[in-house]
């Protein structure tokens, strides 16, 4: 879902300019389009298919999405662990030293 939001400006600009796809028909932009999974590299006659579309800045986009939510998750879990310890719901025992 996050990549759909990040791709929205790209898809809107593609709709306005009318970029042609690989099969030379007008490309219709669908915001909720599922990613294309390529299972073949040649046609039935033996012709090689064109290169698939590449998502620009894929690693950067992933980092922009993952890092803030990972940070928020750690902050929520820390506050919840503090709340549990404060109400004596889950308190670690100190008798782990059985040396």
PDB file of N, CA and C in Angstrom:
ATOM      1  N   UNK A   1       0.821  -1.178   0.000  1.00  0.00           N
ATOM      2  CA  UNK A   1       0.000   0.000   0.000  1.00  0.00           C
ATOM      3  C   UNK A   1       0.869   1.248   0.000  1.00  0.00           C
ATOM      4  N   UNK A   2       1.959   1.192   0.731  1.00  0.00           N
ATOM      5  CA  UNK A   2       2.842   2.357   0.795  1.00  0.00           C
ATOM      6  C   UNK A   2       3.478   2.631  -0.560  1.00  0.00           C
ATOM      7  N   UNK A   3       3.832   1.580  -1.291  1.00  0.00           N
ATOM      8  CA  UNK A   3       4.417   1.810  -2.607  1.00  0.00           C
ATOM      9  C   UNK A   3       3.385   2.358  -3.574  1.00  0.00           C
ATOM     10  N   UNK A   4       2.106   2.011  -3.381  1.00  0.00           N
ATOM     11  CA  UNK A   4       1.059   2.577  -4.221  1.00  0.00           C
ATOM     12  C   UNK A   4       0.959   4.076  -4.018  1.00  0.00           C
ATOM     13  N   UNK A   5       1.095   4.504  -2.777  1.00  0.00           N
ATOM     14  CA  UNK A   5       1.035   5.933  -2.474  1.00  0.00           C
ATOM     15  C   UNK A   5       2.245   6.640  -3.070  1.00  0.00           C
ATOM     16  N   UNK A   6       3.421   6.016  -2.996  1.00  0.00           N
ATOM     17  CA  UNK A   6       4.611   6.636  -3.544  1.00  0.00           C
ATOM     18  C   UNK A   6       4.586   6.668  -5.068  1.00  0.00           C
ATOM     19  N   UNK A   7       3.904   5.724  -5.704  1.00  0.00           N
ATOM     20  CA  UNK A   7       3.842   5.671  -7.159  1.00  0.00           C
ATOM     21  C   UNK A   7       2.731   6.543  -7.738  1.00  0.00           C
ATOM     22  N   UNK A   8       1.873   7.096  -6.894  1.00  0.00           N
ATOM     23  CA  UNK A   8       0.740   7.870  -7.371  1.00  0.00           C
ATOM     24  C   UNK A   8       1.152   9.025  -8.277  1.00  0.00           C
ATOM     25  N   UNK A   9       2.122   9.881  -7.910  1.00  0.00           N
ATOM     26  CA  UNK A   9       2.501  10.973  -8.825  1.00  0.00           C
ATOM     27  C   UNK A   9       3.034  10.460 -10.159  1.00  0.00           C
ATOM     28  N   UNK A  10       3.784   9.360 -10.136  1.00  0.00           N
ATOM     29  CA  UNK A  10       4.316   8.798 -11.369  1.00  0.00           C
ATOM     30  C   UNK A  10       3.184   8.323 -12.278  1.00  0.00           C
ATOM     31  N   UNK A  11       2.207   7.645 -11.712  1.00  0.00           N
ATOM     32  CA  UNK A  11       1.101   7.144 -12.514  1.00  0.00           C
ATOM     33  C   UNK A  11       0.223   8.266 -13.037  1.00  0.00           C
ATOM     34  N   UNK A  12       0.044   9.303 -12.234  1.00  0.00           N
ATOM     35  CA  UNK A  12      -0.750  10.428 -12.714  1.00  0.00           C
ATOM     36  C   UNK A  12      -0.046  11.136 -13.860  1.00  0.00           C
ATOM     37  N   UNK A  13       1.275  11.277 -13.774  1.00  0.00           N
ATOM     38  CA  UNK A  13       1.997  11.924 -14.856  1.00  0.00           C
ATOM     39  C   UNK A  13       1.992  11.050 -16.113  1.00  0.00           C
ATOM     40  N   UNK A  14       2.030   9.736 -15.948  1.00  0.00           N
ATOM     41  CA  UNK A  14       1.978   8.839 -17.095  1.00  0.00           C
ATOM     42  C   UNK A  14       0.618   8.910 -17.777  1.00  0.00           C
ATOM     43  N   UNK A  15      -0.434   9.103 -17.007  1.00  0.00           N
ATOM     44  CA  UNK A  15      -1.768   9.200 -17.577  1.00  0.00           C
ATOM     45  C   UNK A  15      -1.889  10.468 -18.414  1.00  0.00           C
ATOM     46  N   UNK A  16      -1.301  11.563 -17.947  1.00  0.00           N
ATOM     47  CA  UNK A  16      -1.406  12.832 -18.657  1.00  0.00           C
ATOM     48  C   UNK A  16      -0.599  12.825 -19.950  1.00  0.00           C
ATOM     49  N   UNK A  17       0.579  12.219 -19.939  1.00  0.00           N
ATOM     50  CA  UNK A  17       1.425  12.244 -21.127  1.00  0.00           C
ATOM     51  C   UNK A  17       1.076  11.149 -22.118  1.00  0.00           C
ATOM     52  N   UNK A  18       0.357  10.122 -21.691  1.00  0.00           N
ATOM     53  CA  UNK A  18      -0.048   9.056 -22.599  1.00  0.00           C
ATOM     54  C   UNK A  18       1.123   8.220 -23.074  1.00  0.00           C
ATOM     55  N   UNK A  19       1.967   7.763 -22.151  1.00  0.00           N
ATOM     56  CA  UNK A  19       3.121   6.946 -22.497  1.00  0.00           C
ATOM     57  C   UNK A  19       2.653   5.614 -23.062  1.00  0.00           C
ATOM     58  N   UNK A  20       3.306   5.165 -24.127  1.00  0.00           N
ATOM     59  CA  UNK A  20       2.936   3.905 -24.748  1.00  0.00           C
ATOM     60  C   UNK A  20       3.623   2.752 -24.049  1.00  0.00           C
ATOM     61  N   UNK A  21       2.934   1.641 -23.949  1.00  0.00           N
ATOM     62  CA  UNK A  21       3.518   0.467 -23.321  1.00  0.00           C
ATOM     63  C   UNK A  21       4.282  -0.339 -24.357  1.00  0.00           C
ATOM     64  N   UNK A  22       4.766  -1.501 -23.952  1.00  0.00           N
ATOM     65  CA  UNK A  22       5.587  -2.329 -24.833  1.00  0.00           C
ATOM     66  C   UNK A  22       4.801  -2.908 -25.997  1.00  0.00           C
ATOM     67  N   UNK A  23       3.501  -3.081 -25.848  1.00  0.00           N
ATOM     68  CA  UNK A  23       2.722  -3.644 -26.940  1.00  0.00           C
ATOM     69  C   UNK A  23       2.098  -2.541 -27.800  1.00  0.00           C
ATOM     70  N   UNK A  24       2.603  -1.329 -27.744  1.00  0.00           N
ATOM     71  CA  UNK A  24       2.242  -0.146 -28.524  1.00  0.00           C
ATOM     72  C   UNK A  24       0.789   0.261 -28.398  1.00  0.00           C
ATOM     73  N   UNK A  25       0.106  -0.155 -27.375  1.00  0.00           N
ATOM     74  CA  UNK A  25      -1.235   0.350 -27.123  1.00  0.00           C
ATOM     75  C   UNK A  25      -1.144   1.373 -26.004  1.00  0.00           C
ATOM     76  N   UNK A  26      -2.135   2.230 -25.899  1.00  0.00           N
ATOM     77  CA  UNK A  26      -2.114   3.283 -24.885  1.00  0.00           C
ATOM     78  C   UNK A  26      -2.190   2.654 -23.502  1.00  0.00           C
ATOM     79  N   UNK A  27      -1.299   3.054 -22.648  1.00  0.00           N
ATOM     80  CA  UNK A  27      -1.198   2.476 -21.309  1.00  0.00           C
ATOM     81  C   UNK A  27      -2.235   3.122 -20.408  1.00  0.00           C
ATOM     82  N   UNK A  28      -3.106   2.328 -19.826  1.00  0.00           N
ATOM     83  CA  UNK A  28      -4.090   2.854 -18.894  1.00  0.00           C
ATOM     84  C   UNK A  28      -3.509   2.739 -17.501  1.00  0.00           C
ATOM     85  N   UNK A  29      -3.599   3.819 -16.770  1.00  0.00           N
ATOM     86  CA  UNK A  29      -3.029   3.858 -15.431  1.00  0.00           C
ATOM     87  C   UNK A  29      -4.086   3.447 -14.420  1.00  0.00           C
ATOM     88  N   UNK A  30      -3.782   2.452 -13.636  1.00  0.00           N
ATOM     89  CA  UNK A  30      -4.672   2.007 -12.591  1.00  0.00           C
ATOM     90  C   UNK A  30      -3.910   2.090 -11.280  1.00  0.00           C
ATOM     91  N   UNK A  31      -4.387   2.888 -10.362  1.00  0.00           N
ATOM     92  CA  UNK A  31      -3.665   3.129  -9.113  1.00  0.00           C
ATOM     93  C   UNK A  31      -3.555   1.843  -8.292  1.00  0.00           C
ATOM     94  N   UNK A  32      -4.564   1.014  -8.323  1.00  0.00           N
ATOM     95  CA  UNK A  32      -4.568  -0.195  -7.507  1.00  0.00           C
ATOM     96  C   UNK A  32      -4.135  -1.415  -8.310  1.00  0.00           C
ATOM     97  N   UNK A  33      -3.306  -1.198  -9.321  1.00  0.00           N
ATOM     98  CA  UNK A  33      -2.842  -2.291 -10.170  1.00  0.00           C
ATOM     99  C   UNK A  33      -1.856  -3.169  -9.393  1.00  0.00           C
ATOM    100  N   UNK A  34      -1.996  -4.478  -9.538  1.00  0.00           N
ATOM    101  CA  UNK A  34      -1.058  -5.387  -8.898  1.00  0.00           C
ATOM    102  C   UNK A  34       0.237  -5.404  -9.701  1.00  0.00           C
ATOM    103  N   UNK A  35       1.356  -5.640  -9.046  1.00  0.00           N
ATOM    104  CA  UNK A  35       2.629  -5.658  -9.789  1.00  0.00           C
ATOM    105  C   UNK A  35       2.676  -6.816 -10.775  1.00  0.00           C
ATOM    106  N   UNK A  36       3.292  -6.573 -11.903  1.00  0.00           N
ATOM    107  CA  UNK A  36       3.390  -7.584 -12.950  1.00  0.00           C
ATOM    108  C   UNK A  36       4.488  -8.573 -12.601  1.00  0.00           C
ATOM    109  N   UNK A  37       4.147  -9.846 -12.573  1.00  0.00           N
ATOM    110  CA  UNK A  37       5.118 -10.897 -12.294  1.00  0.00           C
ATOM    111  C   UNK A  37       5.463 -11.560 -13.615  1.00  0.00           C
ATOM    112  N   UNK A  38       6.714 -11.560 -13.946  1.00  0.00           N
ATOM    113  CA  UNK A  38       7.153 -12.075 -15.239  1.00  0.00           C
ATOM    114  C   UNK A  38       7.615 -13.516 -15.079  1.00  0.00           C
ATOM    115  N   UNK A  39       6.985 -14.403 -15.817  1.00  0.00           N
ATOM    116  CA  UNK A  39       7.351 -15.812 -15.743  1.00  0.00           C
ATOM    117  C   UNK A  39       7.985 -16.305 -17.036  1.00  0.00           C
ATOM    118  N   UNK A  40       7.914 -15.508 -18.125  1.00  0.00           N
ATOM    119  CA  UNK A  40       8.489 -15.920 -19.401  1.00  0.00           C
ATOM    120  C   UNK A  40       9.460 -14.865 -19.891  1.00  0.00           C
ATOM    121  N   UNK A  41      10.446 -15.278 -20.659  1.00  0.00           N
ATOM    122  CA  UNK A  41      11.399 -14.339 -21.252  1.00  0.00           C
ATOM    123  C   UNK A  41      11.339 -14.353 -22.770  1.00  0.00           C
ATOM    124  N   UNK A  42      10.534 -15.262 -23.349  1.00  0.00           N
ATOM    125  CA  UNK A  42      10.410 -15.309 -24.812  1.00  0.00           C
ATOM    126  C   UNK A  42       8.974 -15.652 -25.184  1.00  0.00           C
ATOM    127  N   UNK A  43       8.624 -15.301 -26.411  1.00  0.00           N
ATOM    128  CA  UNK A  43       7.289 -15.610 -26.903  1.00  0.00           C
ATOM    129  C   UNK A  43       7.253 -17.028 -27.445  1.00  0.00           C
ATOM    130  N   UNK A  44       6.073 -17.450 -27.903  1.00  0.00           N
ATOM    131  CA  UNK A  44       5.928 -18.804 -28.441  1.00  0.00           C
ATOM    132  C   UNK A  44       6.743 -18.984 -29.721  1.00  0.00           C
ATOM    133  N   UNK A  45       6.969 -17.889 -30.453  1.00  0.00           N
ATOM    134  CA  UNK A  45       7.746 -17.983 -31.688  1.00  0.00           C
ATOM    135  C   UNK A  45       9.239 -17.897 -31.443  1.00  0.00           C
ATOM    136  N   UNK A  46       9.672 -17.599 -30.223  1.00  0.00           N
ATOM    137  CA  UNK A  46      11.084 -17.541 -29.890  1.00  0.00           C
ATOM    138  C   UNK A  46      11.645 -16.133 -29.762  1.00  0.00           C
ATOM    139  N   UNK A  47      10.831 -15.127 -29.996  1.00  0.00           N
ATOM    140  CA  UNK A  47      11.303 -13.748 -29.860  1.00  0.00           C
ATOM    141  C   UNK A  47      11.485 -13.403 -28.391  1.00  0.00           C
ATOM    142  N   UNK A  48      12.508 -12.647 -28.087  1.00  0.00           N
ATOM    143  CA  UNK A  48      12.787 -12.246 -26.709  1.00  0.00           C
ATOM    144  C   UNK A  48      11.885 -11.080 -26.343  1.00  0.00           C
ATOM    145  N   UNK A  49      11.235 -11.188 -25.184  1.00  0.00           N
ATOM    146  CA  UNK A  49      10.360 -10.120 -24.712  1.00  0.00           C
ATOM    147  C   UNK A  49      11.186  -8.913 -24.278  1.00  0.00           C
ATOM    148  N   UNK A  50      10.622  -7.711 -24.319  1.00  0.00           N
ATOM    149  CA  UNK A  50      11.362  -6.522 -23.879  1.00  0.00           C
ATOM    150  C   UNK A  50      11.597  -6.557 -22.377  1.00  0.00           C
ATOM    151  N   UNK A  51      12.549  -5.737 -21.928  1.00  0.00           N
ATOM    152  CA  UNK A  51      12.870  -5.693 -20.504  1.00  0.00           C
ATOM    153  C   UNK A  51      11.653  -5.242 -19.696  1.00  0.00           C
ATOM    154  N   UNK A  52      11.462  -5.818 -18.499  1.00  0.00           N
ATOM    155  CA  UNK A  52      10.342  -5.380 -17.661  1.00  0.00           C
ATOM    156  C   UNK A  52      10.590  -3.975 -17.121  1.00  0.00           C
ATOM    157  N   UNK A  53       9.510  -3.319 -16.704  1.00  0.00           N
ATOM    158  CA  UNK A  53       9.629  -1.987 -16.131  1.00  0.00           C
ATOM    159  C   UNK A  53      10.366  -2.065 -14.802  1.00  0.00           C
ATOM    160  N   UNK A  54      11.250  -1.131 -14.575  1.00  0.00           N
ATOM    161  CA  UNK A  54      12.029  -1.104 -13.339  1.00  0.00           C
ATOM    162  C   UNK A  54      11.506   0.001 -12.439  1.00  0.00           C
ATOM    163  N   UNK A  55      11.324  -0.316 -11.158  1.00  0.00           N
ATOM    164  CA  UNK A  55      10.871   0.683 -10.204  1.00  0.00           C
ATOM    165  C   UNK A  55      12.060   1.540  -9.808  1.00  0.00           C
ATOM    166  N   UNK A  56      12.017   2.836 -10.112  1.00  0.00           N
ATOM    167  CA  UNK A  56      13.143   3.690  -9.736  1.00  0.00           C
ATOM    168  C   UNK A  56      13.180   3.917  -8.223  1.00  0.00           C
ATOM    169  N   UNK A  57      14.368   3.961  -7.677  1.00  0.00           N
ATOM    170  CA  UNK A  57      14.602   4.208  -6.250  1.00  0.00           C
ATOM    171  C   UNK A  57      13.894   3.175  -5.377  1.00  0.00           C
ATOM    172  N   UNK A  58      13.909   1.901  -5.754  1.00  0.00           N
ATOM    173  CA  UNK A  58      13.221   0.864  -4.995  1.00  0.00           C
ATOM    174  C   UNK A  58      13.752   0.713  -3.582  1.00  0.00           C
ATOM    175  N   UNK A  59      15.073   0.673  -3.421  1.00  0.00           N
ATOM    176  CA  UNK A  59      15.661   0.521  -2.096  1.00  0.00           C
ATOM    177  C   UNK A  59      15.441   1.769  -1.251  1.00  0.00           C
ATOM    178  N   UNK A  60      15.513   2.928  -1.880  1.00  0.00           N
ATOM    179  CA  UNK A  60      15.285   4.182  -1.152  1.00  0.00           C
ATOM    180  C   UNK A  60      13.849   4.257  -0.668  1.00  0.00           C
ATOM    181  N   UNK A  61      12.917   3.908  -1.519  1.00  0.00           N
ATOM    182  CA  UNK A  61      11.508   3.928  -1.122  1.00  0.00           C
ATOM    183  C   UNK A  61      11.244   2.951   0.013  1.00  0.00           C
ATOM    184  N   UNK A  62      11.835   1.774  -0.072  1.00  0.00           N
ATOM    185  CA  UNK A  62      11.645   0.794   0.986  1.00  0.00           C
ATOM    186  C   UNK A  62      12.189   1.325   2.313  1.00  0.00           C
ATOM    187  N   UNK A  63      13.357   1.965   2.272  1.00  0.00           N
ATOM    188  CA  UNK A  63      13.954   2.513   3.482  1.00  0.00           C
ATOM    189  C   UNK A  63      13.086   3.613   4.072  1.00  0.00           C
ATOM    190  N   UNK A  64      12.546   4.471   3.213  1.00  0.00           N
ATOM    191  CA  UNK A  64      11.702   5.567   3.683  1.00  0.00           C
ATOM    192  C   UNK A  64      10.451   5.037   4.370  1.00  0.00           C
ATOM    193  N   UNK A  65       9.951   3.907   3.942  1.00  0.00           N
ATOM    194  CA  UNK A  65       8.752   3.335   4.542  1.00  0.00           C
ATOM    195  C   UNK A  65       9.084   2.521   5.787  1.00  0.00           C
ATOM    196  N   UNK A  66      10.127   1.704   5.735  1.00  0.00           N
ATOM    197  CA  UNK A  66      10.404   0.756   6.813  1.00  0.00           C
ATOM    198  C   UNK A  66      10.945   1.442   8.069  1.00  0.00           C
ATOM    199  N   UNK A  67      11.890   2.354   7.929  1.00  0.00           N
ATOM    200  CA  UNK A  67      12.565   2.935   9.094  1.00  0.00           C
ATOM    201  C   UNK A  67      11.598   3.657  10.032  1.00  0.00           C
ATOM    202  N   UNK A  68      10.709   4.545   9.572  1.00  0.00           N
ATOM    203  CA  UNK A  68       9.801   5.202  10.524  1.00  0.00           C
ATOM    204  C   UNK A  68       8.864   4.240  11.235  1.00  0.00           C
ATOM    205  N   UNK A  69       8.328   3.254  10.509  1.00  0.00           N
ATOM    206  CA  UNK A  69       7.410   2.314  11.153  1.00  0.00           C
ATOM    207  C   UNK A  69       8.146   1.371  12.097  1.00  0.00           C
ATOM    208  N   UNK A  70       9.374   1.026  11.799  1.00  0.00           N
ATOM    209  CA  UNK A  70      10.166   0.213  12.710  1.00  0.00           C
ATOM    210  C   UNK A  70      10.446   0.983  14.001  1.00  0.00           C
ATOM    211  N   UNK A  71      10.774   2.272  13.851  1.00  0.00           N
ATOM    212  CA  UNK A  71      11.015   3.126  15.018  1.00  0.00           C
ATOM    213  C   UNK A  71       9.740   3.279  15.853  1.00  0.00           C
ATOM    214  N   UNK A  72       8.608   3.501  15.186  1.00  0.00           N
ATOM    215  CA  UNK A  72       7.341   3.635  15.924  1.00  0.00           C
ATOM    216  C   UNK A  72       7.004   2.342  16.654  1.00  0.00           C
ATOM    217  N   UNK A  73       7.263   1.207  16.028  1.00  0.00           N
ATOM    218  CA  UNK A  73       6.986  -0.075  16.666  1.00  0.00           C
ATOM    219  C   UNK A  73       7.833  -0.300  17.909  1.00  0.00           C
ATOM    220  N   UNK A  74       9.106   0.097  17.845  1.00  0.00           N
ATOM    221  CA  UNK A  74       9.956  -0.068  19.030  1.00  0.00           C
ATOM    222  C   UNK A  74       9.519   0.863  20.156  1.00  0.00           C
ATOM    223  N   UNK A  75       9.090   2.067  19.821  1.00  0.00           N
ATOM    224  CA  UNK A  75       8.625   2.993  20.855  1.00  0.00           C
ATOM    225  C   UNK A  75       7.338   2.491  21.503  1.00  0.00           C
ATOM    226  N   UNK A  76       6.427   1.955  20.719  1.00  0.00           N
ATOM    227  CA  UNK A  76       5.180   1.407  21.269  1.00  0.00           C
ATOM    228  C   UNK A  76       5.467   0.208  22.155  1.00  0.00           C
ATOM    229  N   UNK A  77       6.366  -0.670  21.723  1.00  0.00           N
ATOM    230  CA  UNK A  77       6.664  -1.854  22.537  1.00  0.00           C
ATOM    231  C   UNK A  77       7.386  -1.473  23.825  1.00  0.00           C
ATOM    232  N   UNK A  78       8.262  -0.467  23.775  1.00  0.00           N
ATOM    233  CA  UNK A  78       8.926  -0.011  24.999  1.00  0.00           C
ATOM    234  C   UNK A  78       7.930   0.569  25.981  1.00  0.00           C
ATOM    235  N   UNK A  79       6.995   1.377  25.478  1.00  0.00           N
ATOM    236  CA  UNK A  79       6.008   1.986  26.390  1.00  0.00           C
ATOM    237  C   UNK A  79       5.064   0.927  26.948  1.00  0.00           C
ATOM    238  N   UNK A  80       4.720  -0.065  26.162  1.00  0.00           N
ATOM    239  CA  UNK A  80       3.843  -1.129  26.651  1.00  0.00           C
ATOM    240  C   UNK A  80       4.559  -2.000  27.682  1.00  0.00           C
ATOM    241  N   UNK A  81       5.847  -2.276  27.463  1.00  0.00           N
ATOM    242  CA  UNK A  81       6.608  -3.056  28.447  1.00  0.00           C
ATOM    243  C   UNK A  81       6.731  -2.285  29.759  1.00  0.00           C
ATOM    244  N   UNK A  82       6.920  -0.970  29.673  1.00  0.00           N
ATOM    245  CA  UNK A  82       6.976  -0.139  30.883  1.00  0.00           C
ATOM    246  C   UNK A  82       5.642  -0.156  31.608  1.00  0.00           C
ATOM    247  N   UNK A  83       4.537  -0.088  30.863  1.00  0.00           N
ATOM    248  CA  UNK A  83       3.206  -0.127  31.463  1.00  0.00           C
ATOM    249  C   UNK A  83       2.967  -1.456  32.170  1.00  0.00           C
ATOM    250  N   UNK A  84       3.363  -2.569  31.542  1.00  0.00           N
ATOM    251  CA  UNK A  84       3.187  -3.883  32.178  1.00  0.00           C
ATOM    252  C   UNK A  84       4.018  -4.009  33.448  1.00  0.00           C
ATOM    253  N   UNK A  85       5.238  -3.500  33.402  1.00  0.00           N
ATOM    254  CA  UNK A  85       6.089  -3.581  34.587  1.00  0.00           C
ATOM    255  C   UNK A  85       5.576  -2.664  35.694  1.00  0.00           C
ATOM    256  N   UNK A  86       5.024  -1.533  35.319  1.00  0.00           N
ATOM    257  CA  UNK A  86       4.497  -0.580  36.306  1.00  0.00           C
ATOM    258  C   UNK A  86       3.308  -1.166  37.052  1.00  0.00           C
ATOM    259  N   UNK A  87       2.484  -1.930  36.382  1.00  0.00           N
ATOM    260  CA  UNK A  87       1.304  -2.529  37.015  1.00  0.00           C
ATOM    261  C   UNK A  87       1.579  -3.944  37.521  1.00  0.00           C
ATOM    262  N   UNK A  88       2.820  -4.341  37.565  1.00  0.00           N
ATOM    263  CA  UNK A  88       3.247  -5.651  38.063  1.00  0.00           C
ATOM    264  C   UNK A  88       2.529  -6.808  37.359  1.00  0.00           C
ATOM    265  N   UNK A  89       2.249  -6.630  36.093  1.00  0.00           N
ATOM    266  CA  UNK A  89       1.628  -7.697  35.306  1.00  0.00           C
ATOM    267  C   UNK A  89       2.699  -8.646  34.815  1.00  0.00           C
ATOM    268  N   UNK A  90       3.785  -8.089  34.354  1.00  0.00           N
ATOM    269  CA  UNK A  90       4.912  -8.912  33.912  1.00  0.00           C
ATOM    270  C   UNK A  90       6.177  -8.277  34.448  1.00  0.00           C
ATOM    271  N   UNK A  91       6.744  -8.912  35.460  1.00  0.00           N
ATOM    272  CA  UNK A  91       7.978  -8.426  36.048  1.00  0.00           C
ATOM    273  C   UNK A  91       8.972  -9.591  36.001  1.00  0.00           C
ATOM    274  N   UNK A  92      10.117  -9.418  35.375  1.00  0.00           N
ATOM    275  CA  UNK A  92      11.099 -10.506  35.330  1.00  0.00           C
ATOM    276  C   UNK A  92      11.602 -10.872  36.726  1.00  0.00           C
ATOM    277  N   UNK A  93      11.810 -12.167  36.936  1.00  0.00           N
ATOM    278  CA  UNK A  93      12.316 -12.643  38.233  1.00  0.00           C
ATOM    279  C   UNK A  93      13.821 -12.404  38.320  1.00  0.00           C
ATOM    280  N   UNK A  94      14.304 -12.233  39.556  1.00  0.00           N
ATOM    281  CA  UNK A  94      15.720 -12.004  39.766  1.00  0.00           C
ATOM    282  C   UNK A  94      16.455 -13.277  40.180  1.00  0.00           C
ATOM    283  N   UNK A  95      15.794 -14.410  40.239  1.00  0.00           N
ATOM    284  CA  UNK A  95      16.446 -15.648  40.674  1.00  0.00           C
ATOM    285  C   UNK A  95      16.988 -16.458  39.492  1.00  0.00           C
ATOM    286  N   UNK A  96      17.518 -15.789  38.493  1.00  0.00           N
ATOM    287  CA  UNK A  96      18.144 -16.471  37.363  1.00  0.00           C
ATOM    288  C   UNK A  96      19.596 -16.813  37.630  1.00  0.00           C
ATOM    289  N   UNK A  97      20.160 -16.372  38.741  1.00  0.00           N
ATOM    290  CA  UNK A  97      21.562 -16.625  39.067  1.00  0.00           C
ATOM    291  C   UNK A  97      21.693 -17.919  39.843  1.00  0.00           C
ATOM    292  N   UNK A  98      21.671 -19.048  39.166  1.00  0.00           N
ATOM    293  CA  UNK A  98      21.774 -20.360  39.802  1.00  0.00           C
ATOM    294  C   UNK A  98      23.179 -20.912  39.737  1.00  0.00           C
ATOM    295  N   UNK A  99      24.178 -20.074  39.714  1.00  0.00           N
ATOM    296  CA  UNK A  99      25.559 -20.532  39.622  1.00  0.00           C
ATOM    297  C   UNK A  99      25.895 -21.270  40.822  1.00  0.00           C
TER     298      UNK A  99
END
